[in-house]
Amino acid sequence: MLRCPPVCMMAWRIGDRLDLGTQVEWIQEAGFDGVGFHAATGVPGSWQGLDPHRCDSAERRRWRHRLSAFRAVEIHAPFALTLTGATPMPVVDALAPVLAFAGDLGSAVVTVHAEVPPVSVLPEAWRSALHRLDALARQNSLRVG
């Protein structure tokens, strides 16, 4: 029997600046199969995410339990950690805590941003960075989107 892919919603800002927990609750009550949110603090008064560096192990356990009700969970890496330029490896290294965080929360996918490098960039630097990113994702039972 063919199983439909999950219908997910990004917790960005629902209504009048609801906090992240209330948004996730709303998404679940609305019947969505999955949820996504940013692994970044956000912008006060505009949107909210969870900062991996400020989310201790007890808080991660609470979120993992809360998110276990969903069929799919996606974590969105910070825009500040976009792969770009001739040397993307430092960004991949900076993404390691985000990938560990996403894995801790039981996410299946972490969205990573990249800007297509110019033709003049040596492809080996990108190939190495993407292999490292893939290895980090696999260590945390994730797929990169």
N, C-alpha and C. Protein backbone atom coordinates (compact mmCIF):
# COMPACT_ATOMS: atom_id res chain seq x y z
N MET A 1 0.83 -1.17 0.00
CA MET A 1 0.00 0.00 0.00
C MET A 1 0.89 1.25 0.00
N LEU A 2 0.54 2.18 -0.83
CA LEU A 2 1.29 3.42 -0.96
C LEU A 2 1.04 4.32 0.25
N ARG A 3 2.10 4.76 0.88
CA ARG A 3 1.98 5.65 2.04
C ARG A 3 2.30 7.07 1.60
N CYS A 4 1.41 7.99 1.88
CA CYS A 4 1.61 9.39 1.50
C CYS A 4 2.71 10.01 2.34
N PRO A 5 3.47 10.92 1.76
CA PRO A 5 4.49 11.62 2.55
C PRO A 5 3.82 12.49 3.60
N PRO A 6 4.53 12.78 4.68
CA PRO A 6 3.93 13.59 5.74
C PRO A 6 3.68 15.02 5.28
N VAL A 7 2.64 15.61 5.81
CA VAL A 7 2.34 17.02 5.56
C VAL A 7 2.84 17.77 6.80
N CYS A 8 3.80 18.65 6.58
CA CYS A 8 4.47 19.30 7.69
C CYS A 8 4.25 20.81 7.65
N MET A 9 4.50 21.44 8.79
CA MET A 9 4.41 22.89 8.88
C MET A 9 5.61 23.43 9.63
N MET A 10 6.15 24.52 9.14
CA MET A 10 7.28 25.18 9.78
C MET A 10 6.77 26.09 10.88
N ALA A 11 7.30 25.90 12.09
CA ALA A 11 6.98 26.81 13.19
C ALA A 11 7.85 28.04 13.03
N TRP A 12 7.28 29.06 12.54
CA TRP A 12 8.00 30.29 12.25
C TRP A 12 7.39 31.39 13.08
N ARG A 13 6.15 31.65 12.81
CA ARG A 13 5.36 32.58 13.62
C ARG A 13 3.91 32.36 13.24
N ILE A 14 3.17 31.81 14.17
CA ILE A 14 1.75 31.56 13.94
C ILE A 14 0.98 32.55 14.78
N GLY A 15 0.08 33.26 14.15
CA GLY A 15 -0.71 34.23 14.89
C GLY A 15 0.15 35.38 15.36
N ASP A 16 -0.19 35.92 16.50
CA ASP A 16 0.49 37.10 17.01
C ASP A 16 1.68 36.70 17.87
N ARG A 17 2.74 36.24 17.20
CA ARG A 17 4.01 35.92 17.85
C ARG A 17 3.88 34.91 18.99
N LEU A 18 3.27 33.80 18.71
CA LEU A 18 3.17 32.73 19.70
C LEU A 18 4.55 32.15 19.96
N ASP A 19 4.82 31.76 21.20
CA ASP A 19 6.12 31.16 21.48
C ASP A 19 6.22 29.81 20.78
N LEU A 20 7.43 29.29 20.67
CA LEU A 20 7.66 28.08 19.90
C LEU A 20 6.86 26.89 20.42
N GLY A 21 6.80 26.72 21.74
CA GLY A 21 6.05 25.60 22.30
C GLY A 21 4.57 25.66 21.94
N THR A 22 3.99 26.85 21.99
CA THR A 22 2.58 27.02 21.64
C THR A 22 2.36 26.78 20.16
N GLN A 23 3.33 27.19 19.33
CA GLN A 23 3.22 26.94 17.89
C GLN A 23 3.23 25.45 17.60
N VAL A 24 4.16 24.72 18.23
CA VAL A 24 4.26 23.28 18.00
C VAL A 24 2.97 22.59 18.45
N GLU A 25 2.43 23.03 19.56
CA GLU A 25 1.15 22.50 20.04
C GLU A 25 0.05 22.76 19.02
N TRP A 26 -0.02 23.98 18.49
CA TRP A 26 -1.03 24.35 17.50
C TRP A 26 -0.88 23.48 16.25
N ILE A 27 0.37 23.28 15.80
CA ILE A 27 0.63 22.48 14.60
C ILE A 27 0.13 21.04 14.81
N GLN A 28 0.39 20.50 15.99
CA GLN A 28 -0.07 19.14 16.29
C GLN A 28 -1.59 19.08 16.33
N GLU A 29 -2.22 20.02 17.04
CA GLU A 29 -3.68 20.04 17.15
C GLU A 29 -4.36 20.27 15.80
N ALA A 30 -3.68 20.96 14.90
CA ALA A 30 -4.23 21.22 13.56
C ALA A 30 -4.14 19.98 12.67
N GLY A 31 -3.46 18.93 13.15
CA GLY A 31 -3.42 17.67 12.42
C GLY A 31 -2.26 17.49 11.46
N PHE A 32 -1.25 18.34 11.55
CA PHE A 32 -0.08 18.16 10.68
C PHE A 32 0.71 16.93 11.12
N ASP A 33 1.32 16.25 10.14
CA ASP A 33 2.11 15.06 10.41
C ASP A 33 3.50 15.39 10.93
N GLY A 34 3.99 16.57 10.59
CA GLY A 34 5.35 16.93 10.94
C GLY A 34 5.50 18.39 11.23
N VAL A 35 6.67 18.71 11.77
CA VAL A 35 6.96 20.08 12.16
C VAL A 35 8.43 20.37 11.86
N GLY A 36 8.70 21.62 11.58
CA GLY A 36 10.07 22.08 11.40
C GLY A 36 10.24 23.39 12.14
N PHE A 37 11.47 23.66 12.56
CA PHE A 37 11.76 24.96 13.19
C PHE A 37 13.25 25.22 13.11
N HIS A 38 13.63 26.44 13.41
CA HIS A 38 15.02 26.89 13.30
C HIS A 38 15.85 26.53 14.52
N ALA A 39 17.09 26.14 14.27
CA ALA A 39 18.08 25.92 15.32
C ALA A 39 18.83 27.24 15.51
N ALA A 40 18.09 28.24 15.92
CA ALA A 40 18.63 29.57 16.19
C ALA A 40 17.65 30.27 17.12
N THR A 41 18.14 31.21 17.88
CA THR A 41 17.31 31.91 18.85
C THR A 41 16.14 32.61 18.20
N GLY A 42 16.39 33.24 17.05
CA GLY A 42 15.34 33.99 16.36
C GLY A 42 15.54 35.48 16.52
N VAL A 43 14.50 36.21 16.25
CA VAL A 43 14.52 37.67 16.35
C VAL A 43 13.45 38.06 17.36
N PRO A 44 13.85 38.63 18.49
CA PRO A 44 12.87 38.97 19.53
C PRO A 44 11.69 39.77 18.97
N GLY A 45 10.50 39.33 19.33
CA GLY A 45 9.28 40.01 18.88
C GLY A 45 8.86 39.67 17.47
N SER A 46 9.64 38.84 16.77
CA SER A 46 9.31 38.50 15.40
C SER A 46 9.15 36.99 15.21
N TRP A 47 10.18 36.20 15.53
CA TRP A 47 10.08 34.76 15.42
C TRP A 47 11.03 34.12 16.42
N GLN A 48 10.79 32.84 16.70
CA GLN A 48 11.55 32.14 17.71
C GLN A 48 11.94 30.76 17.23
N GLY A 49 13.13 30.34 17.58
CA GLY A 49 13.59 28.99 17.35
C GLY A 49 14.25 28.49 18.63
N LEU A 50 14.98 27.41 18.53
CA LEU A 50 15.73 26.87 19.67
C LEU A 50 17.22 26.95 19.35
N ASP A 51 17.97 27.59 20.19
CA ASP A 51 19.41 27.70 20.02
C ASP A 51 20.08 26.46 20.60
N PRO A 52 20.77 25.67 19.78
CA PRO A 52 21.41 24.46 20.29
C PRO A 52 22.39 24.73 21.44
N HIS A 53 23.03 25.89 21.42
CA HIS A 53 24.02 26.22 22.45
C HIS A 53 23.37 26.58 23.78
N ARG A 54 22.08 26.89 23.77
CA ARG A 54 21.37 27.27 25.00
C ARG A 54 20.37 26.21 25.45
N CYS A 55 20.35 25.09 24.77
CA CYS A 55 19.37 24.04 25.06
C CYS A 55 20.11 22.87 25.72
N ASP A 56 20.02 22.81 27.05
CA ASP A 56 20.75 21.78 27.79
C ASP A 56 20.10 20.40 27.60
N SER A 57 20.72 19.37 28.17
CA SER A 57 20.26 18.01 27.94
C SER A 57 18.84 17.77 28.46
N ALA A 58 18.47 18.37 29.59
CA ALA A 58 17.10 18.21 30.11
C ALA A 58 16.09 18.84 29.16
N GLU A 59 16.42 20.03 28.67
CA GLU A 59 15.53 20.71 27.72
C GLU A 59 15.43 19.91 26.42
N ARG A 60 16.50 19.35 25.96
CA ARG A 60 16.48 18.52 24.74
C ARG A 60 15.60 17.29 24.95
N ARG A 61 15.67 16.67 26.11
CA ARG A 61 14.80 15.51 26.40
C ARG A 61 13.33 15.92 26.34
N ARG A 62 13.01 17.07 26.94
CA ARG A 62 11.62 17.55 26.91
C ARG A 62 11.15 17.78 25.48
N TRP A 63 12.00 18.40 24.66
CA TRP A 63 11.63 18.65 23.27
C TRP A 63 11.53 17.34 22.48
N ARG A 64 12.46 16.42 22.73
CA ARG A 64 12.41 15.12 22.03
C ARG A 64 11.09 14.42 22.33
N HIS A 65 10.68 14.46 23.59
CA HIS A 65 9.40 13.84 23.97
C HIS A 65 8.24 14.55 23.28
N ARG A 66 8.24 15.86 23.30
CA ARG A 66 7.16 16.65 22.68
C ARG A 66 7.09 16.39 21.18
N LEU A 67 8.24 16.29 20.52
CA LEU A 67 8.27 16.10 19.07
C LEU A 67 8.01 14.66 18.65
N SER A 68 8.08 13.71 19.58
CA SER A 68 7.88 12.30 19.23
C SER A 68 6.47 12.01 18.73
N ALA A 69 5.53 12.91 18.96
CA ALA A 69 4.17 12.73 18.49
C ALA A 69 4.05 12.94 16.97
N PHE A 70 5.08 13.54 16.37
CA PHE A 70 5.04 13.84 14.93
C PHE A 70 5.67 12.71 14.13
N ARG A 71 5.17 12.53 12.93
CA ARG A 71 5.72 11.54 12.01
C ARG A 71 7.03 12.03 11.38
N ALA A 72 7.21 13.34 11.31
CA ALA A 72 8.41 13.92 10.71
C ALA A 72 8.81 15.17 11.48
N VAL A 73 10.11 15.33 11.66
CA VAL A 73 10.66 16.53 12.30
C VAL A 73 11.83 17.00 11.45
N GLU A 74 11.85 18.29 11.16
CA GLU A 74 12.92 18.91 10.38
C GLU A 74 13.48 20.07 11.18
N ILE A 75 14.80 20.17 11.25
CA ILE A 75 15.46 21.29 11.91
C ILE A 75 16.15 22.11 10.83
N HIS A 76 15.95 23.41 10.91
CA HIS A 76 16.47 24.34 9.94
C HIS A 76 17.75 24.97 10.48
N ALA A 77 18.89 24.75 9.83
CA ALA A 77 20.15 25.34 10.29
C ALA A 77 20.10 26.86 10.15
N PRO A 78 20.84 27.57 10.99
CA PRO A 78 20.84 29.04 10.92
C PRO A 78 21.32 29.55 9.56
N PHE A 79 20.71 30.62 9.10
CA PHE A 79 21.12 31.24 7.83
C PHE A 79 22.56 31.74 7.91
N ALA A 80 23.02 32.07 9.12
CA ALA A 80 24.40 32.55 9.30
C ALA A 80 25.42 31.46 8.95
N LEU A 81 24.98 30.22 8.91
CA LEU A 81 25.88 29.10 8.59
C LEU A 81 25.59 28.57 7.18
N THR A 82 25.64 29.46 6.21
CA THR A 82 25.42 29.11 4.81
C THR A 82 26.74 28.72 4.16
N LEU A 83 26.77 27.57 3.51
CA LEU A 83 27.96 27.15 2.78
C LEU A 83 28.14 28.07 1.58
N THR A 84 29.29 28.67 1.48
CA THR A 84 29.54 29.62 0.40
C THR A 84 31.05 29.80 0.22
N GLY A 85 31.44 30.35 -0.90
CA GLY A 85 32.83 30.72 -1.13
C GLY A 85 33.75 29.56 -1.45
N ALA A 86 35.05 29.89 -1.42
CA ALA A 86 36.07 28.92 -1.81
C ALA A 86 36.43 27.97 -0.68
N THR A 87 36.07 28.30 0.56
CA THR A 87 36.45 27.46 1.70
C THR A 87 35.23 27.18 2.58
N PRO A 88 34.38 26.24 2.18
CA PRO A 88 33.16 25.97 2.95
C PRO A 88 33.38 25.11 4.20
N MET A 89 34.55 24.51 4.37
CA MET A 89 34.76 23.58 5.49
C MET A 89 34.56 24.22 6.86
N PRO A 90 34.99 25.47 7.13
CA PRO A 90 34.73 26.05 8.45
C PRO A 90 33.24 26.16 8.78
N VAL A 91 32.41 26.37 7.77
CA VAL A 91 30.97 26.41 8.00
C VAL A 91 30.46 25.02 8.35
N VAL A 92 30.96 24.00 7.67
CA VAL A 92 30.56 22.63 7.99
C VAL A 92 30.93 22.32 9.45
N ASP A 93 32.13 22.71 9.85
CA ASP A 93 32.55 22.48 11.24
C ASP A 93 31.64 23.22 12.21
N ALA A 94 31.21 24.44 11.86
CA ALA A 94 30.31 25.21 12.71
C ALA A 94 28.91 24.61 12.75
N LEU A 95 28.56 23.81 11.74
CA LEU A 95 27.26 23.14 11.69
C LEU A 95 27.21 21.90 12.58
N ALA A 96 28.35 21.40 13.01
CA ALA A 96 28.38 20.16 13.80
C ALA A 96 27.46 20.21 15.02
N PRO A 97 27.46 21.29 15.83
CA PRO A 97 26.54 21.33 16.97
C PRO A 97 25.06 21.35 16.56
N VAL A 98 24.76 21.94 15.42
CA VAL A 98 23.39 21.97 14.91
C VAL A 98 22.95 20.55 14.54
N LEU A 99 23.83 19.80 13.90
CA LEU A 99 23.51 18.43 13.53
C LEU A 99 23.35 17.55 14.77
N ALA A 100 24.21 17.74 15.76
CA ALA A 100 24.08 16.97 17.00
C ALA A 100 22.76 17.31 17.69
N PHE A 101 22.40 18.58 17.70
CA PHE A 101 21.15 19.05 18.28
C PHE A 101 19.96 18.41 17.58
N ALA A 102 19.96 18.46 16.25
CA ALA A 102 18.87 17.87 15.47
C ALA A 102 18.75 16.38 15.75
N GLY A 103 19.87 15.69 15.82
CA GLY A 103 19.85 14.27 16.15
C GLY A 103 19.31 14.02 17.54
N ASP A 104 19.72 14.85 18.50
CA ASP A 104 19.24 14.73 19.88
C ASP A 104 17.72 14.86 19.96
N LEU A 105 17.16 15.72 19.12
CA LEU A 105 15.71 15.96 19.16
C LEU A 105 14.92 14.92 18.38
N GLY A 106 15.61 14.02 17.70
CA GLY A 106 14.91 12.99 16.93
C GLY A 106 14.52 13.42 15.55
N SER A 107 15.12 14.49 15.07
CA SER A 107 14.83 14.95 13.72
C SER A 107 15.36 13.93 12.70
N ALA A 108 14.71 13.88 11.55
CA ALA A 108 15.18 13.02 10.47
C ALA A 108 15.96 13.83 9.43
N VAL A 109 15.66 15.12 9.35
CA VAL A 109 16.24 15.99 8.33
C VAL A 109 16.72 17.28 8.96
N VAL A 110 17.86 17.74 8.49
CA VAL A 110 18.33 19.08 8.84
C VAL A 110 18.53 19.84 7.53
N THR A 111 17.91 21.00 7.44
CA THR A 111 18.04 21.82 6.24
C THR A 111 19.27 22.70 6.39
N VAL A 112 20.17 22.63 5.41
CA VAL A 112 21.40 23.42 5.39
C VAL A 112 21.34 24.30 4.15
N HIS A 113 21.75 25.55 4.31
CA HIS A 113 21.73 26.49 3.18
C HIS A 113 23.10 26.53 2.50
N ALA A 114 23.07 26.72 1.20
CA ALA A 114 24.31 26.84 0.43
C ALA A 114 24.08 27.79 -0.73
N GLU A 115 25.13 28.49 -1.08
CA GLU A 115 25.12 29.33 -2.28
C GLU A 115 26.03 28.63 -3.28
N VAL A 116 25.54 28.46 -4.48
CA VAL A 116 26.31 27.76 -5.51
C VAL A 116 27.61 28.52 -5.74
N PRO A 117 28.73 27.83 -5.63
CA PRO A 117 30.01 28.52 -5.80
C PRO A 117 30.26 28.88 -7.27
N PRO A 118 31.03 29.92 -7.48
CA PRO A 118 31.38 30.25 -8.87
C PRO A 118 32.26 29.15 -9.47
N VAL A 119 32.28 29.09 -10.77
CA VAL A 119 33.04 28.07 -11.48
C VAL A 119 34.51 28.12 -11.11
N SER A 120 35.00 29.29 -10.73
CA SER A 120 36.42 29.45 -10.41
C SER A 120 36.81 28.76 -9.09
N VAL A 121 35.82 28.40 -8.28
CA VAL A 121 36.12 27.74 -7.01
C VAL A 121 36.52 26.29 -7.30
N LEU A 122 37.58 25.87 -6.65
CA LEU A 122 38.02 24.49 -6.85
C LEU A 122 36.97 23.53 -6.31
N PRO A 123 36.50 22.61 -7.13
CA PRO A 123 35.45 21.69 -6.68
C PRO A 123 35.89 20.78 -5.53
N GLU A 124 37.20 20.54 -5.38
CA GLU A 124 37.66 19.63 -4.32
C GLU A 124 37.32 20.17 -2.93
N ALA A 125 37.41 21.49 -2.73
CA ALA A 125 37.07 22.07 -1.42
C ALA A 125 35.60 21.81 -1.10
N TRP A 126 34.75 21.94 -2.09
CA TRP A 126 33.32 21.68 -1.88
C TRP A 126 33.05 20.19 -1.71
N ARG A 127 33.70 19.37 -2.50
CA ARG A 127 33.52 17.92 -2.40
C ARG A 127 33.89 17.46 -0.99
N SER A 128 35.02 17.92 -0.48
CA SER A 128 35.46 17.55 0.87
C SER A 128 34.48 18.03 1.92
N ALA A 129 34.01 19.27 1.77
CA ALA A 129 33.07 19.83 2.74
C ALA A 129 31.75 19.05 2.74
N LEU A 130 31.26 18.70 1.57
CA LEU A 130 30.00 17.97 1.49
C LEU A 130 30.14 16.54 2.01
N HIS A 131 31.30 15.91 1.79
CA HIS A 131 31.54 14.59 2.36
C HIS A 131 31.56 14.67 3.89
N ARG A 132 32.19 15.70 4.43
CA ARG A 132 32.24 15.89 5.88
C ARG A 132 30.83 16.15 6.42
N LEU A 133 30.05 16.99 5.74
CA LEU A 133 28.68 17.27 6.15
C LEU A 133 27.85 15.99 6.16
N ASP A 134 28.00 15.18 5.12
CA ASP A 134 27.28 13.91 5.05
C ASP A 134 27.68 12.99 6.20
N ALA A 135 28.97 12.92 6.50
CA ALA A 135 29.44 12.07 7.60
C ALA A 135 28.86 12.54 8.94
N LEU A 136 28.86 13.85 9.17
CA LEU A 136 28.27 14.39 10.40
C LEU A 136 26.78 14.07 10.48
N ALA A 137 26.10 14.19 9.36
CA ALA A 137 24.67 13.89 9.33
C ALA A 137 24.43 12.42 9.66
N ARG A 138 25.18 11.54 9.05
CA ARG A 138 25.02 10.10 9.31
C ARG A 138 25.32 9.76 10.76
N GLN A 139 26.32 10.41 11.36
CA GLN A 139 26.63 10.17 12.78
C GLN A 139 25.45 10.50 13.67
N ASN A 140 24.61 11.41 13.22
CA ASN A 140 23.46 11.86 14.00
C ASN A 140 22.13 11.32 13.47
N SER A 141 22.20 10.30 12.59
CA SER A 141 21.02 9.67 11.99
C SER A 141 20.13 10.67 11.25
N LEU A 142 20.77 11.55 10.49
CA LEU A 142 20.07 12.61 9.76
C LEU A 142 20.31 12.52 8.27
N ARG A 143 19.42 13.15 7.54
CA ARG A 143 19.60 13.42 6.12
C ARG A 143 19.70 14.92 5.98
N VAL A 144 20.51 15.38 5.04
CA VAL A 144 20.65 16.82 4.78
C VAL A 144 19.70 17.21 3.68
N GLY A 145 18.95 18.26 3.93
CA GLY A 145 18.06 18.82 2.92
C GLY A 145 18.55 20.18 2.50
